[in-house]
Amino acid sequence: MVNVRKNNIFEKNRQGKKGLGFGLVFPSAELIELVGMGGGFDFINLDGEHGLFSPESIDAMCRAADGYGLTVTARVPNISSSTINLFLDRGVMGILGPHIETAADAKALVDACRFVPDGNRSWGGGRGTFYNDASLLDSPATERTEFMALTNKEMLVMGQLETAKAFENLDSILAVEGIDAFAWGSNDLAQSMGFPGQPDHPEVKEAERGVAERIHAAGRKMSFDISTAVNAPSLIVEGARRFLAANQ
């Protein structure tokens, strides 16, 4: 029997609900374990673009998440296939590709995340592909096409639109198949529009609203349509402030 990691976000979406996530910008398998013990969360998200992660720490966190049935998603530093493979080969089942500005960028993201025929993902030998164990991957043992097809179905691919150029190229980006949802990058977008440090500027928010409408009109989704997450640093800081306020 072929073993494939299931994507909890897709499962919640099939139930008409959003996936609930816990976000990290620093490595901590222990925090993932605590979240898993507490229950209720569907996925762990790693900010691999701005966070402090090594392949070894990603491996450890994916292992902890697997133990509690949690899906792992990640924003990657860039959309090169070698970079994305470092995450997928650890067992990450959702990728947010940053700085998608053109159709070529969108295609490169899809190709790196999905096996043929839907993409051109390179085959790896890590825990993401169960260390190439034939008894887990193959039926029969000489073929892996079923594993590849099932993994493609469970792989969440998202593109981050965070510049005015990306908004200008939206139609051609939407023409690329294989991206499940799109996300903003409001700070970078504001900077590209001439409003550095003003992600809440009215013109930035209006641009985002207009693009979201176009994405929805095309039958596509935004990341906020399918999932929502709380970030560990925010919870820690908020909890610390509440503690201090209650004990001063």
Foldseek 3Di string as FASTA:
>chain_A
DADEQAQQLVVQVVVVHAAEEEEEQEFDLPVLLVDLVVDDHAAYEYAQQRGDDDLVSLLSNQVSCVVSSHAYEYEWNALALVRVCSNLLSQHQEYEHEDDQALVRLLSNQQSFAPPPRHPHDDDQHVSQPNLDQVHQDDNSVDRVVVRVVSLVRHAYEYEDEAVSNLVRVVSNVVRPRHQAYEYDQQSHCVNVPRHPCSPPPVNVVSVVVSQVVCVVSVHYHSVSRHDYDYPVVVVVVVVVVVVVVPD
